[in-house]
Amino acid sequence: MLEKITKVAREKEIEKLQSLTKKAFYDTAEEIINDPIYTLKDSFWPSINDPLHQELCLVIENCLQILKSGFNSQAFEDDDFVDIF
C-alpha cells in the first residue's frame, strides 16, 4: 500500500516538473524569439536558433539531473520525459 502511494506521488511530482519546465521554457523561448523579430533584423533566424538551442539543451540537462538525483529515475523514465517535453 505504501509503495503504491509513493509511486503515485512520485509520478505526480514528475508530471509537475514536466508542466513547470514546459511553461518556463515557453516563456524563455518567447523572449528569445520576440526581440529579433520585433526589431526586424534580416538575420533573425541565427540570432534565435543558437540561443534557443542552448536554452533547450540546458533545460533538458537540468531536468535529467533532477530526475536522476531527486527521483532516482530509470533510463526509460528519462527518455519518456524528454520525449514528452
PDB file of N, CA and C in Angstrom:
ATOM      1  N   MET A   1       0.824  -1.196   0.000  1.00  0.00           N
ATOM      2  CA  MET A   1       0.000   0.000   0.000  1.00  0.00           C
ATOM      3  C   MET A   1       0.866   1.257   0.000  1.00  0.00           C
ATOM      4  N   LEU A   2       1.844   1.311   0.900  1.00  0.00           N
ATOM      5  CA  LEU A   2       2.722   2.472   0.983  1.00  0.00           C
ATOM      6  C   LEU A   2       3.533   2.635  -0.303  1.00  0.00           C
ATOM      7  N   GLU A   3       3.942   1.504  -0.873  1.00  0.00           N
ATOM      8  CA  GLU A   3       4.720   1.548  -2.117  1.00  0.00           C
ATOM      9  C   GLU A   3       3.889   2.142  -3.254  1.00  0.00           C
ATOM     10  N   LYS A   4       2.610   1.784  -3.313  1.00  0.00           N
ATOM     11  CA  LYS A   4       1.730   2.319  -4.354  1.00  0.00           C
ATOM     12  C   LYS A   4       1.511   3.817  -4.160  1.00  0.00           C
ATOM     13  N   ILE A   5       1.317   4.242  -2.929  1.00  0.00           N
ATOM     14  CA  ILE A   5       1.133   5.660  -2.631  1.00  0.00           C
ATOM     15  C   ILE A   5       2.387   6.445  -3.023  1.00  0.00           C
ATOM     16  N   THR A   6       3.541   5.901  -2.697  1.00  0.00           N
ATOM     17  CA  THR A   6       4.806   6.544  -3.042  1.00  0.00           C
ATOM     18  C   THR A   6       4.971   6.646  -4.549  1.00  0.00           C
ATOM     19  N   LYS A   7       4.613   5.580  -5.248  1.00  0.00           N
ATOM     20  CA  LYS A   7       4.731   5.566  -6.710  1.00  0.00           C
ATOM     21  C   LYS A   7       3.821   6.616  -7.341  1.00  0.00           C
ATOM     22  N   VAL A   8       2.586   6.704  -6.868  1.00  0.00           N
ATOM     23  CA  VAL A   8       1.631   7.684  -7.402  1.00  0.00           C
ATOM     24  C   VAL A   8       2.115   9.107  -7.116  1.00  0.00           C
ATOM     25  N   ALA A   9       2.587   9.352  -5.906  1.00  0.00           N
ATOM     26  CA  ALA A   9       3.096  10.680  -5.543  1.00  0.00           C
ATOM     27  C   ALA A   9       4.307  11.038  -6.403  1.00  0.00           C
ATOM     28  N   ARG A  10       5.176  10.090  -6.627  1.00  0.00           N
ATOM     29  CA  ARG A  10       6.371  10.303  -7.447  1.00  0.00           C
ATOM     30  C   ARG A  10       5.975  10.673  -8.876  1.00  0.00           C
ATOM     31  N   GLU A  11       5.010   9.936  -9.439  1.00  0.00           N
ATOM     32  CA  GLU A  11       4.550  10.213 -10.793  1.00  0.00           C
ATOM     33  C   GLU A  11       3.927  11.603 -10.902  1.00  0.00           C
ATOM     34  N   LYS A  12       3.171  11.996  -9.872  1.00  0.00           N
ATOM     35  CA  LYS A  12       2.568  13.332  -9.866  1.00  0.00           C
ATOM     36  C   LYS A  12       3.635  14.419  -9.807  1.00  0.00           C
ATOM     37  N   GLU A  13       4.678  14.213  -9.021  1.00  0.00           N
ATOM     38  CA  GLU A  13       5.760  15.186  -8.928  1.00  0.00           C
ATOM     39  C   GLU A  13       6.518  15.294 -10.255  1.00  0.00           C
ATOM     40  N   ILE A  14       6.709  14.172 -10.924  1.00  0.00           N
ATOM     41  CA  ILE A  14       7.369  14.200 -12.226  1.00  0.00           C
ATOM     42  C   ILE A  14       6.496  14.948 -13.240  1.00  0.00           C
ATOM     43  N   GLU A  15       5.182  14.733 -13.187  1.00  0.00           N
ATOM     44  CA  GLU A  15       4.267  15.464 -14.067  1.00  0.00           C
ATOM     45  C   GLU A  15       4.313  16.966 -13.786  1.00  0.00           C
ATOM     46  N   LYS A  16       4.389  17.341 -12.505  1.00  0.00           N
ATOM     47  CA  LYS A  16       4.502  18.762 -12.162  1.00  0.00           C
ATOM     48  C   LYS A  16       5.794  19.348 -12.702  1.00  0.00           C
ATOM     49  N   LEU A  17       6.889  18.607 -12.564  1.00  0.00           N
ATOM     50  CA  LEU A  17       8.170  19.057 -13.106  1.00  0.00           C
ATOM     51  C   LEU A  17       8.049  19.259 -14.608  1.00  0.00           C
ATOM     52  N   GLN A  18       7.410  18.331 -15.292  1.00  0.00           N
ATOM     53  CA  GLN A  18       7.209  18.423 -16.743  1.00  0.00           C
ATOM     54  C   GLN A  18       6.429  19.695 -17.089  1.00  0.00           C
ATOM     55  N   SER A  19       5.348  19.917 -16.394  1.00  0.00           N
ATOM     56  CA  SER A  19       4.479  21.056 -16.664  1.00  0.00           C
ATOM     57  C   SER A  19       5.181  22.386 -16.390  1.00  0.00           C
ATOM     58  N   LEU A  20       5.816  22.490 -15.233  1.00  0.00           N
ATOM     59  CA  LEU A  20       6.506  23.728 -14.879  1.00  0.00           C
ATOM     60  C   LEU A  20       7.683  24.005 -15.807  1.00  0.00           C
ATOM     61  N   THR A  21       8.374  22.947 -16.211  1.00  0.00           N
ATOM     62  CA  THR A  21       9.506  23.096 -17.114  1.00  0.00           C
ATOM     63  C   THR A  21       9.045  23.589 -18.471  1.00  0.00           C
ATOM     64  N   LYS A  22       7.960  23.026 -18.974  1.00  0.00           N
ATOM     65  CA  LYS A  22       7.423  23.472 -20.259  1.00  0.00           C
ATOM     66  C   LYS A  22       7.048  24.946 -20.211  1.00  0.00           C
ATOM     67  N   LYS A  23       6.335  25.341 -19.172  1.00  0.00           N
ATOM     68  CA  LYS A  23       5.908  26.738 -19.055  1.00  0.00           C
ATOM     69  C   LYS A  23       7.105  27.670 -19.000  1.00  0.00           C
ATOM     70  N   ALA A  24       8.083  27.333 -18.183  1.00  0.00           N
ATOM     71  CA  ALA A  24       9.279  28.178 -18.065  1.00  0.00           C
ATOM     72  C   ALA A  24      10.027  28.242 -19.391  1.00  0.00           C
ATOM     73  N   PHE A  25      10.133  27.107 -20.081  1.00  0.00           N
ATOM     74  CA  PHE A  25      10.830  27.102 -21.360  1.00  0.00           C
ATOM     75  C   PHE A  25      10.077  27.932 -22.388  1.00  0.00           C
ATOM     76  N   TYR A  26       8.755  27.802 -22.448  1.00  0.00           N
ATOM     77  CA  TYR A  26       7.978  28.581 -23.406  1.00  0.00           C
ATOM     78  C   TYR A  26       8.144  30.077 -23.150  1.00  0.00           C
ATOM     79  N   ASP A  27       8.140  30.474 -21.886  1.00  0.00           N
ATOM     80  CA  ASP A  27       8.329  31.888 -21.557  1.00  0.00           C
ATOM     81  C   ASP A  27       9.702  32.373 -22.015  1.00  0.00           C
ATOM     82  N   THR A  28      10.729  31.583 -21.750  1.00  0.00           N
ATOM     83  CA  THR A  28      12.081  31.950 -22.155  1.00  0.00           C
ATOM     84  C   THR A  28      12.209  31.950 -23.676  1.00  0.00           C
ATOM     85  N   ALA A  29      11.629  30.949 -24.322  1.00  0.00           N
ATOM     86  CA  ALA A  29      11.679  30.872 -25.784  1.00  0.00           C
ATOM     87  C   ALA A  29      10.997  32.082 -26.406  1.00  0.00           C
ATOM     88  N   GLU A  30       9.901  32.497 -25.829  1.00  0.00           N
ATOM     89  CA  GLU A  30       9.190  33.674 -26.331  1.00  0.00           C
ATOM     90  C   GLU A  30      10.082  34.919 -26.270  1.00  0.00           C
ATOM     91  N   GLU A  31      10.795  35.074 -25.169  1.00  0.00           N
ATOM     92  CA  GLU A  31      11.712  36.212 -25.049  1.00  0.00           C
ATOM     93  C   GLU A  31      12.829  36.136 -26.092  1.00  0.00           C
ATOM     94  N   ILE A  32      13.383  34.946 -26.279  1.00  0.00           N
ATOM     95  CA  ILE A  32      14.479  34.759 -27.238  1.00  0.00           C
ATOM     96  C   ILE A  32      14.002  35.057 -28.659  1.00  0.00           C
ATOM     97  N   ILE A  33      12.799  34.631 -28.980  1.00  0.00           N
ATOM     98  CA  ILE A  33      12.284  34.757 -30.340  1.00  0.00           C
ATOM     99  C   ILE A  33      11.768  36.160 -30.640  1.00  0.00           C
ATOM    100  N   ASN A  34      11.062  36.750 -29.713  1.00  0.00           N
ATOM    101  CA  ASN A  34      10.381  38.022 -29.993  1.00  0.00           C
ATOM    102  C   ASN A  34      11.315  39.187 -30.277  1.00  0.00           C
ATOM    103  N   ASP A  35      12.373  39.323 -29.531  1.00  0.00           N
ATOM    104  CA  ASP A  35      13.237  40.500 -29.712  1.00  0.00           C
ATOM    105  C   ASP A  35      13.782  40.617 -31.131  1.00  0.00           C
ATOM    106  N   PRO A  36      14.413  39.589 -31.692  1.00  0.00           N
ATOM    107  CA  PRO A  36      14.922  39.732 -33.062  1.00  0.00           C
ATOM    108  C   PRO A  36      13.812  39.961 -34.095  1.00  0.00           C
ATOM    109  N   ILE A  37      12.646  39.389 -33.861  1.00  0.00           N
ATOM    110  CA  ILE A  37      11.552  39.581 -34.818  1.00  0.00           C
ATOM    111  C   ILE A  37      11.008  40.999 -34.728  1.00  0.00           C
ATOM    112  N   TYR A  38      10.825  41.508 -33.520  1.00  0.00           N
ATOM    113  CA  TYR A  38      10.289  42.857 -33.360  1.00  0.00           C
ATOM    114  C   TYR A  38      11.229  43.929 -33.896  1.00  0.00           C
ATOM    115  N   THR A  39      12.515  43.665 -33.812  1.00  0.00           N
ATOM    116  CA  THR A  39      13.471  44.644 -34.351  1.00  0.00           C
ATOM    117  C   THR A  39      13.668  44.473 -35.848  1.00  0.00           C
ATOM    118  N   LEU A  40      13.023  43.465 -36.430  1.00  0.00           N
ATOM    119  CA  LEU A  40      13.029  43.211 -37.867  1.00  0.00           C
ATOM    120  C   LEU A  40      14.427  43.108 -38.462  1.00  0.00           C
ATOM    121  N   LYS A  41      15.272  42.402 -37.759  1.00  0.00           N
ATOM    122  CA  LYS A  41      16.602  42.139 -38.291  1.00  0.00           C
ATOM    123  C   LYS A  41      16.484  41.123 -39.426  1.00  0.00           C
ATOM    124  N   ASP A  42      17.257  41.325 -40.473  1.00  0.00           N
ATOM    125  CA  ASP A  42      17.243  40.376 -41.594  1.00  0.00           C
ATOM    126  C   ASP A  42      17.796  39.020 -41.195  1.00  0.00           C
ATOM    127  N   SER A  43      18.667  39.006 -40.236  1.00  0.00           N
ATOM    128  CA  SER A  43      19.310  37.759 -39.817  1.00  0.00           C
ATOM    129  C   SER A  43      18.735  37.257 -38.496  1.00  0.00           C
ATOM    130  N   PHE A  44      17.420  37.322 -38.347  1.00  0.00           N
ATOM    131  CA  PHE A  44      16.849  36.938 -37.056  1.00  0.00           C
ATOM    132  C   PHE A  44      16.905  35.444 -36.789  1.00  0.00           C
ATOM    133  N   TRP A  45      16.943  34.576 -37.825  1.00  0.00           N
ATOM    134  CA  TRP A  45      16.990  33.140 -37.555  1.00  0.00           C
ATOM    135  C   TRP A  45      18.239  32.707 -36.799  1.00  0.00           C
ATOM    136  N   PRO A  46      19.429  33.117 -37.223  1.00  0.00           N
ATOM    137  CA  PRO A  46      20.605  32.721 -36.429  1.00  0.00           C
ATOM    138  C   PRO A  46      20.576  33.284 -35.003  1.00  0.00           C
ATOM    139  N   SER A  47      20.055  34.481 -34.854  1.00  0.00           N
ATOM    140  CA  SER A  47      20.023  35.069 -33.517  1.00  0.00           C
ATOM    141  C   SER A  47      18.962  34.421 -32.637  1.00  0.00           C
ATOM    142  N   ILE A  48      18.034  33.694 -33.239  1.00  0.00           N
ATOM    143  CA  ILE A  48      17.031  32.946 -32.482  1.00  0.00           C
ATOM    144  C   ILE A  48      17.496  31.510 -32.264  1.00  0.00           C
ATOM    145  N   ASN A  49      17.978  30.889 -33.316  1.00  0.00           N
ATOM    146  CA  ASN A  49      18.284  29.459 -33.286  1.00  0.00           C
ATOM    147  C   ASN A  49      19.340  29.091 -32.238  1.00  0.00           C
ATOM    148  N   ASP A  50      20.459  29.793 -32.225  1.00  0.00           N
ATOM    149  CA  ASP A  50      21.533  29.438 -31.295  1.00  0.00           C
ATOM    150  C   ASP A  50      21.123  29.582 -29.824  1.00  0.00           C
ATOM    151  N   PRO A  51      20.584  30.734 -29.409  1.00  0.00           N
ATOM    152  CA  PRO A  51      20.173  30.843 -28.001  1.00  0.00           C
ATOM    153  C   PRO A  51      19.047  29.872 -27.629  1.00  0.00           C
ATOM    154  N   LEU A  52      18.134  29.635 -28.558  1.00  0.00           N
ATOM    155  CA  LEU A  52      17.031  28.726 -28.275  1.00  0.00           C
ATOM    156  C   LEU A  52      17.543  27.298 -28.111  1.00  0.00           C
ATOM    157  N   HIS A  53      18.452  26.895 -28.969  1.00  0.00           N
ATOM    158  CA  HIS A  53      19.048  25.559 -28.866  1.00  0.00           C
ATOM    159  C   HIS A  53      19.818  25.406 -27.555  1.00  0.00           C
ATOM    160  N   GLN A  54      20.581  26.419 -27.183  1.00  0.00           N
ATOM    161  CA  GLN A  54      21.335  26.374 -25.925  1.00  0.00           C
ATOM    162  C   GLN A  54      20.396  26.265 -24.731  1.00  0.00           C
ATOM    163  N   GLU A  55      19.325  27.039 -24.748  1.00  0.00           N
ATOM    164  CA  GLU A  55      18.354  27.015 -23.647  1.00  0.00           C
ATOM    165  C   GLU A  55      17.686  25.646 -23.549  1.00  0.00           C
ATOM    166  N   LEU A  56      17.297  25.095 -24.684  1.00  0.00           N
ATOM    167  CA  LEU A  56      16.655  23.791 -24.696  1.00  0.00           C
ATOM    168  C   LEU A  56      17.589  22.712 -24.151  1.00  0.00           C
ATOM    169  N   CYS A  57      18.829  22.726 -24.570  1.00  0.00           N
ATOM    170  CA  CYS A  57      19.803  21.744 -24.069  1.00  0.00           C
ATOM    171  C   CYS A  57      20.017  21.892 -22.569  1.00  0.00           C
ATOM    172  N   LEU A  58      20.108  23.123 -22.099  1.00  0.00           N
ATOM    173  CA  LEU A  58      20.307  23.383 -20.675  1.00  0.00           C
ATOM    174  C   LEU A  58      19.107  22.896 -19.859  1.00  0.00           C
ATOM    175  N   VAL A  59      17.909  23.184 -20.331  1.00  0.00           N
ATOM    176  CA  VAL A  59      16.701  22.764 -19.623  1.00  0.00           C
ATOM    177  C   VAL A  59      16.629  21.240 -19.541  1.00  0.00           C
ATOM    178  N   ILE A  60      16.871  20.571 -20.647  1.00  0.00           N
ATOM    179  CA  ILE A  60      16.819  19.107 -20.659  1.00  0.00           C
ATOM    180  C   ILE A  60      17.886  18.524 -19.735  1.00  0.00           C
ATOM    181  N   GLU A  61      19.080  19.067 -19.802  1.00  0.00           N
ATOM    182  CA  GLU A  61      20.162  18.584 -18.941  1.00  0.00           C
ATOM    183  C   GLU A  61      19.802  18.746 -17.462  1.00  0.00           C
ATOM    184  N   ASN A  62      19.279  19.914 -17.100  1.00  0.00           N
ATOM    185  CA  ASN A  62      18.901  20.168 -15.710  1.00  0.00           C
ATOM    186  C   ASN A  62      17.770  19.247 -15.257  1.00  0.00           C
ATOM    187  N   CYS A  63      16.779  19.045 -16.108  1.00  0.00           N
ATOM    188  CA  CYS A  63      15.668  18.162 -15.752  1.00  0.00           C
ATOM    189  C   CYS A  63      16.145  16.728 -15.564  1.00  0.00           C
ATOM    190  N   LEU A  64      17.024  16.280 -16.428  1.00  0.00           N
ATOM    191  CA  LEU A  64      17.546  14.917 -16.278  1.00  0.00           C
ATOM    192  C   LEU A  64      18.316  14.764 -14.974  1.00  0.00           C
ATOM    193  N   GLN A  65      19.052  15.791 -14.582  1.00  0.00           N
ATOM    194  CA  GLN A  65      19.761  15.740 -13.298  1.00  0.00           C
ATOM    195  C   GLN A  65      18.773  15.674 -12.143  1.00  0.00           C
ATOM    196  N   ILE A  66      17.702  16.455 -12.229  1.00  0.00           N
ATOM    197  CA  ILE A  66      16.676  16.444 -11.186  1.00  0.00           C
ATOM    198  C   ILE A  66      16.010  15.069 -11.114  1.00  0.00           C
ATOM    199  N   LEU A  67      15.681  14.525 -12.275  1.00  0.00           N
ATOM    200  CA  LEU A  67      15.038  13.207 -12.299  1.00  0.00           C
ATOM    201  C   LEU A  67      15.936  12.140 -11.684  1.00  0.00           C
ATOM    202  N   LYS A  68      17.206  12.169 -12.054  1.00  0.00           N
ATOM    203  CA  LYS A  68      18.126  11.139 -11.568  1.00  0.00           C
ATOM    204  C   LYS A  68      18.422  11.298 -10.083  1.00  0.00           C
ATOM    205  N   SER A  69      18.691  12.518  -9.647  1.00  0.00           N
ATOM    206  CA  SER A  69      19.068  12.707  -8.245  1.00  0.00           C
ATOM    207  C   SER A  69      17.861  12.797  -7.319  1.00  0.00           C
ATOM    208  N   GLY A  70      16.804  13.458  -7.756  1.00  0.00           N
ATOM    209  CA  GLY A  70      15.647  13.653  -6.883  1.00  0.00           C
ATOM    210  C   GLY A  70      14.634  12.536  -6.926  1.00  0.00           C
ATOM    211  N   PHE A  71      14.515  11.893  -8.089  1.00  0.00           N
ATOM    212  CA  PHE A  71      13.504  10.855  -8.253  1.00  0.00           C
ATOM    213  C   PHE A  71      14.107   9.477  -8.486  1.00  0.00           C
ATOM    214  N   ASN A  72      15.427   9.397  -8.525  1.00  0.00           N
ATOM    215  CA  ASN A  72      16.114   8.128  -8.782  1.00  0.00           C
ATOM    216  C   ASN A  72      15.514   7.437 -10.010  1.00  0.00           C
ATOM    217  N   SER A  73      15.365   8.230 -11.080  1.00  0.00           N
ATOM    218  CA  SER A  73      14.684   7.743 -12.276  1.00  0.00           C
ATOM    219  C   SER A  73      15.513   6.708 -13.019  1.00  0.00           C
ATOM    220  N   GLN A  74      14.802   5.938 -13.799  1.00  0.00           N
ATOM    221  CA  GLN A  74      15.433   4.946 -14.658  1.00  0.00           C
ATOM    222  C   GLN A  74      15.532   5.535 -16.065  1.00  0.00           C
ATOM    223  N   ALA A  75      16.346   4.915 -16.902  1.00  0.00           N
ATOM    224  CA  ALA A  75      16.611   5.448 -18.245  1.00  0.00           C
ATOM    225  C   ALA A  75      15.332   5.620 -19.054  1.00  0.00           C
ATOM    226  N   PHE A  76      14.417   4.673 -18.965  1.00  0.00           N
ATOM    227  CA  PHE A  76      13.189   4.791 -19.749  1.00  0.00           C
ATOM    228  C   PHE A  76      12.333   5.972 -19.283  1.00  0.00           C
ATOM    229  N   GLU A  77      12.382   6.285 -17.994  1.00  0.00           N
ATOM    230  CA  GLU A  77      11.648   7.439 -17.484  1.00  0.00           C
ATOM    231  C   GLU A  77      12.270   8.735 -17.979  1.00  0.00           C
ATOM    232  N   ASP A  78      13.588   8.775 -18.019  1.00  0.00           N
ATOM    233  CA  ASP A  78      14.281   9.944 -18.559  1.00  0.00           C
ATOM    234  C   ASP A  78      13.913  10.145 -20.024  1.00  0.00           C
ATOM    235  N   ASP A  79      13.928   9.054 -20.779  1.00  0.00           N
ATOM    236  CA  ASP A  79      13.586   9.123 -22.208  1.00  0.00           C
ATOM    237  C   ASP A  79      12.147   9.591 -22.403  1.00  0.00           C
ATOM    238  N   ASP A  80      11.230   9.072 -21.606  1.00  0.00           N
ATOM    239  CA  ASP A  80       9.827   9.484 -21.689  1.00  0.00           C
ATOM    240  C   ASP A  80       9.678  10.965 -21.402  1.00  0.00           C
ATOM    241  N   PHE A  81      10.368  11.431 -20.382  1.00  0.00           N
ATOM    242  CA  PHE A  81      10.297  12.839 -20.004  1.00  0.00           C
ATOM    243  C   PHE A  81      10.750  13.722 -21.154  1.00  0.00           C
ATOM    244  N   VAL A  82      11.883  13.380 -21.752  1.00  0.00           N
ATOM    245  CA  VAL A  82      12.429  14.168 -22.860  1.00  0.00           C
ATOM    246  C   VAL A  82      11.504  14.089 -24.073  1.00  0.00           C
ATOM    247  N   ASP A  83      10.959  12.912 -24.359  1.00  0.00           N
ATOM    248  CA  ASP A  83      10.053  12.763 -25.498  1.00  0.00           C
ATOM    249  C   ASP A  83       8.800  13.626 -25.331  1.00  0.00           C
ATOM    250  N   ILE A  84       8.258  13.637 -24.136  1.00  0.00           N
ATOM    251  CA  ILE A  84       7.056  14.441 -23.868  1.00  0.00           C
ATOM    252  C   ILE A  84       7.372  15.924 -23.937  1.00  0.00           C
ATOM    253  N   PHE A  85       8.546  16.271 -23.425  1.00  0.00           N
ATOM    254  CA  PHE A  85       8.946  17.682 -23.439  1.00  0.00           C
ATOM    255  C   PHE A  85       9.144  18.145 -24.860  1.00  0.00           C
TER     256      PHE A  85
END
